[in-house]
Amino acid sequence: MKGEIFITTLQNMKIKTIKIKNFRGYKDSTSINIKELTAFVGKNDSGKSTVLEALDIFFYDGKGIIKIESDDLNIGARDNGESNIEISVVFTDLPDPIIIDSTNETTLRDEYLLNDEGDLEIVKIYPNGGKVKVYIKAVHPQNSECNNLHSKTNKELKNILEKHEIECADKTKNATIRKAIWDHFS
């Protein structure tokens, strides 16, 4: 479907970091690094369960055990006029290659879907505890012709190739066309 990226074979990825902002007791952006064995230790009401509940919300989009509600917005954030809860997960041990656009084999790196540390960072924002907005935080080429290439149809991508006289080995595969465009403007 247009605007969506389908990634297969992600079962071996590992969580590297969890980031929480404006969720319950976590007002400021807080990063929790995850290692091979991670234990949460602390006093009652210090936020241990909140981290695990944030993960439940992230992975099950509020359809798991924990439902996100407007009351989950941090009180201090609400008092400052903020209305978004943000939960991010950074993944490592990424698959290489991946399949996107149904059949095109490529890599997350070639698609500019990795953050500045080379990891996949998925950010989910819940406005007023409502419907989730999903983003990938990534380092991306800074040329206007490279904007929104993932949401463009094959015809739209070919138009960019023609407009800028960009050589491309295979104009039937969107991943190959995107790579040619990014390489041209890099």
Protein backbone atom coordinates (compact mmCIF):
# COMPACT_ATOMS: atom_id res chain seq x y z
CA MET A 1 0.00 0.00 0.00
CA LYS A 2 1.14 3.53 -0.72
CA GLY A 3 2.91 5.18 2.22
CA GLU A 4 3.54 1.97 4.10
CA ILE A 5 6.70 -0.05 4.35
CA PHE A 6 6.44 -3.77 4.92
CA ILE A 7 9.43 -5.31 6.61
CA THR A 8 9.75 -9.07 6.90
CA THR A 9 11.96 -11.37 9.00
CA LEU A 10 12.33 -9.11 12.02
CA GLN A 11 12.19 -11.91 14.60
CA ASN A 12 15.90 -11.71 15.52
CA MET A 13 15.98 -8.00 16.30
CA LYS A 14 16.78 -6.98 19.86
CA ILE A 15 15.60 -4.01 21.87
CA LYS A 16 18.54 -1.71 22.54
CA THR A 17 16.80 1.28 24.14
CA ILE A 18 13.36 2.29 25.32
CA LYS A 19 12.53 6.01 25.35
CA ILE A 20 9.57 7.44 27.22
CA LYS A 21 8.37 11.05 27.36
CA ASN A 22 5.29 12.56 29.05
CA PHE A 23 4.03 9.13 30.11
CA ARG A 24 2.82 8.96 33.70
CA GLY A 25 5.79 9.76 35.98
CA TYR A 26 8.21 10.29 33.07
CA LYS A 27 7.89 13.93 31.99
CA ASP A 28 11.30 14.48 30.43
CA SER A 29 12.55 12.19 27.71
CA THR A 30 14.03 9.19 29.51
CA SER A 31 16.16 6.49 27.86
CA ILE A 32 16.45 3.02 29.33
CA ASN A 33 19.24 0.92 27.83
CA ILE A 34 18.53 -2.79 27.53
CA LYS A 35 21.31 -5.38 27.72
CA GLU A 36 21.29 -9.18 27.41
CA LEU A 37 19.93 -9.34 30.96
CA THR A 38 18.14 -6.28 32.28
CA ALA A 39 16.47 -6.07 35.68
CA PHE A 40 14.34 -3.22 37.00
CA VAL A 41 15.04 -2.61 40.66
CA GLY A 42 13.66 0.22 42.77
CA LYS A 43 11.21 1.35 45.40
CA ASN A 44 7.47 1.04 44.98
CA ASP A 45 6.02 3.72 42.68
CA SER A 46 9.43 4.54 41.17
CA GLY A 47 8.35 3.76 37.58
CA LYS A 48 9.44 0.14 37.03
CA SER A 49 6.01 -1.10 35.95
CA THR A 50 5.47 2.02 33.85
CA VAL A 51 8.39 1.02 31.62
CA LEU A 52 6.93 -2.44 31.05
CA GLU A 53 3.46 -1.01 30.48
CA ALA A 54 4.91 1.45 27.95
CA LEU A 55 6.34 -1.55 26.08
CA ASP A 56 2.93 -3.26 26.14
CA ILE A 57 1.33 -0.14 24.67
CA PHE A 58 4.10 0.21 22.07
CA PHE A 59 3.93 -3.38 20.82
CA TYR A 60 0.18 -3.89 21.06
CA ASP A 61 -1.00 -0.33 20.27
CA GLY A 62 -3.27 -0.24 23.30
CA LYS A 63 -4.92 -3.53 22.37
CA GLY A 64 -2.84 -5.55 24.81
CA ILE A 65 -3.17 -5.68 28.56
CA ILE A 66 -2.61 -1.94 29.03
CA LYS A 67 -4.87 0.64 27.38
CA ILE A 68 -3.48 4.14 26.90
CA GLU A 69 -5.73 6.90 28.17
CA SER A 70 -5.60 10.68 28.36
CA ASP A 71 -4.93 10.35 32.12
CA ASP A 72 -1.59 8.70 31.26
CA LEU A 73 -0.24 12.08 30.13
CA ASN A 74 2.23 13.39 32.71
CA ILE A 75 0.60 16.09 34.86
CA GLY A 76 3.59 18.44 34.55
CA ALA A 77 3.54 18.06 30.78
CA ARG A 78 -0.20 18.79 30.71
CA ASP A 79 0.37 21.90 32.87
CA ASN A 80 3.01 23.06 30.33
CA GLY A 81 0.50 22.70 27.48
CA GLU A 82 1.96 19.50 26.09
CA SER A 83 -0.46 16.82 24.94
CA ASN A 84 1.66 14.08 23.38
CA ILE A 85 2.86 10.89 25.01
CA GLU A 86 5.91 9.54 23.21
CA ILE A 87 7.18 5.97 23.40
CA SER A 88 10.13 4.92 21.25
CA VAL A 89 11.99 1.66 20.87
CA VAL A 90 15.45 1.38 19.32
CA PHE A 91 16.25 -1.98 17.75
CA THR A 92 19.62 -3.56 16.98
CA ASP A 93 20.64 -6.86 15.32
CA LEU A 94 18.66 -5.85 12.27
CA PRO A 95 17.94 -8.16 9.34
CA ASP A 96 19.97 -7.70 6.20
CA PRO A 97 18.52 -7.78 3.60
CA ILE A 98 14.83 -6.95 4.04
CA ILE A 99 11.83 -7.09 1.74
CA ILE A 100 9.78 -3.92 1.33
CA ASP A 101 7.27 -2.80 -1.29
CA SER A 102 6.00 -6.41 -1.36
CA THR A 103 8.89 -7.96 -3.33
CA ASN A 104 11.89 -5.60 -3.45
CA GLU A 105 14.95 -6.79 -1.57
CA THR A 106 16.97 -3.96 -0.03
CA THR A 107 18.51 -2.93 3.30
CA LEU A 108 17.40 -0.56 6.03
CA ARG A 109 20.63 1.38 5.46
CA ASP A 110 20.01 1.72 1.70
CA GLU A 111 16.47 2.95 2.45
CA TYR A 112 17.79 5.57 4.93
CA LEU A 113 15.71 4.07 7.74
CA LEU A 114 18.45 4.01 10.41
CA ASN A 115 19.23 6.57 13.09
CA ASP A 116 22.64 8.19 13.55
CA GLU A 117 23.90 5.10 15.44
CA GLY A 118 22.86 2.70 12.66
CA ASP A 119 19.85 1.32 14.55
CA LEU A 120 16.15 1.19 13.71
CA GLU A 121 14.29 3.69 15.92
CA ILE A 122 10.50 3.57 15.85
CA VAL A 123 8.71 6.46 17.54
CA LYS A 124 5.05 6.27 18.49
CA ILE A 125 3.27 9.45 19.51
CA TYR A 126 -0.11 9.34 21.23
CA PRO A 127 -1.81 12.77 21.03
CA ASN A 128 -4.00 13.21 24.12
CA GLY A 129 -3.71 9.47 24.70
CA GLY A 130 -5.52 8.96 21.40
CA LYS A 131 -4.79 7.41 18.00
CA VAL A 132 -1.12 6.60 17.52
CA LYS A 133 1.14 8.29 14.97
CA VAL A 134 4.15 6.17 13.99
CA TYR A 135 7.48 7.53 12.75
CA ILE A 136 10.92 6.19 12.04
CA LYS A 137 13.69 8.42 13.34
CA ALA A 138 16.39 8.26 10.69
CA VAL A 139 19.29 10.11 9.13
CA HIS A 140 18.07 11.07 5.70
CA PRO A 141 19.48 12.97 2.70
CA GLN A 142 18.76 16.69 2.94
CA ASN A 143 17.54 17.32 -0.58
CA SER A 144 13.93 18.20 -1.36
CA GLU A 145 13.91 15.71 -4.25
CA CYS A 146 14.55 12.95 -1.67
CA ASN A 147 11.53 13.82 0.47
CA ASN A 148 8.85 11.18 0.83
CA LEU A 149 10.37 8.75 -1.66
CA HIS A 150 8.93 5.82 0.31
CA SER A 151 5.38 7.01 -0.31
CA LYS A 152 5.80 7.62 -4.04
CA THR A 153 4.44 5.29 -6.70
CA ASN A 154 6.66 3.71 -9.32
CA LYS A 155 5.45 6.27 -11.86
CA GLU A 156 6.26 9.19 -9.55
CA LEU A 157 9.74 7.77 -8.91
CA LYS A 158 10.32 7.35 -12.65
CA ASN A 159 9.31 10.98 -13.17
CA ILE A 160 12.10 12.06 -10.80
CA LEU A 161 14.56 9.90 -12.74
CA GLU A 162 13.52 11.54 -16.02
CA LYS A 163 13.44 15.08 -14.64
CA HIS A 164 17.04 14.84 -13.38
CA GLU A 165 18.33 12.43 -16.05
CA ILE A 166 19.33 9.87 -13.42
CA GLU A 167 20.60 6.47 -14.56
CA CYS A 168 18.88 3.47 -12.97
CA ALA A 169 19.65 -0.21 -13.58
CA ASP A 170 16.12 -1.52 -12.93
CA LYS A 171 13.13 0.81 -13.20
CA THR A 172 10.69 -1.93 -12.18
CA LYS A 173 11.84 -2.02 -8.55
CA ASN A 174 11.04 0.96 -6.37
CA ALA A 175 13.91 0.18 -3.98
CA THR A 176 16.39 0.34 -6.89
CA ILE A 177 14.91 3.60 -8.15
CA ARG A 178 14.99 5.19 -4.68
CA LYS A 179 18.64 4.17 -4.28
CA ALA A 180 19.52 5.73 -7.64
CA ILE A 181 17.80 8.98 -6.64
CA TRP A 182 19.48 9.08 -3.22
CA ASP A 183 22.88 8.28 -4.74
CA HIS A 184 22.41 11.05 -7.30
CA PHE A 185 21.65 13.69 -4.66
CA SER A 186 24.18 12.53 -2.05
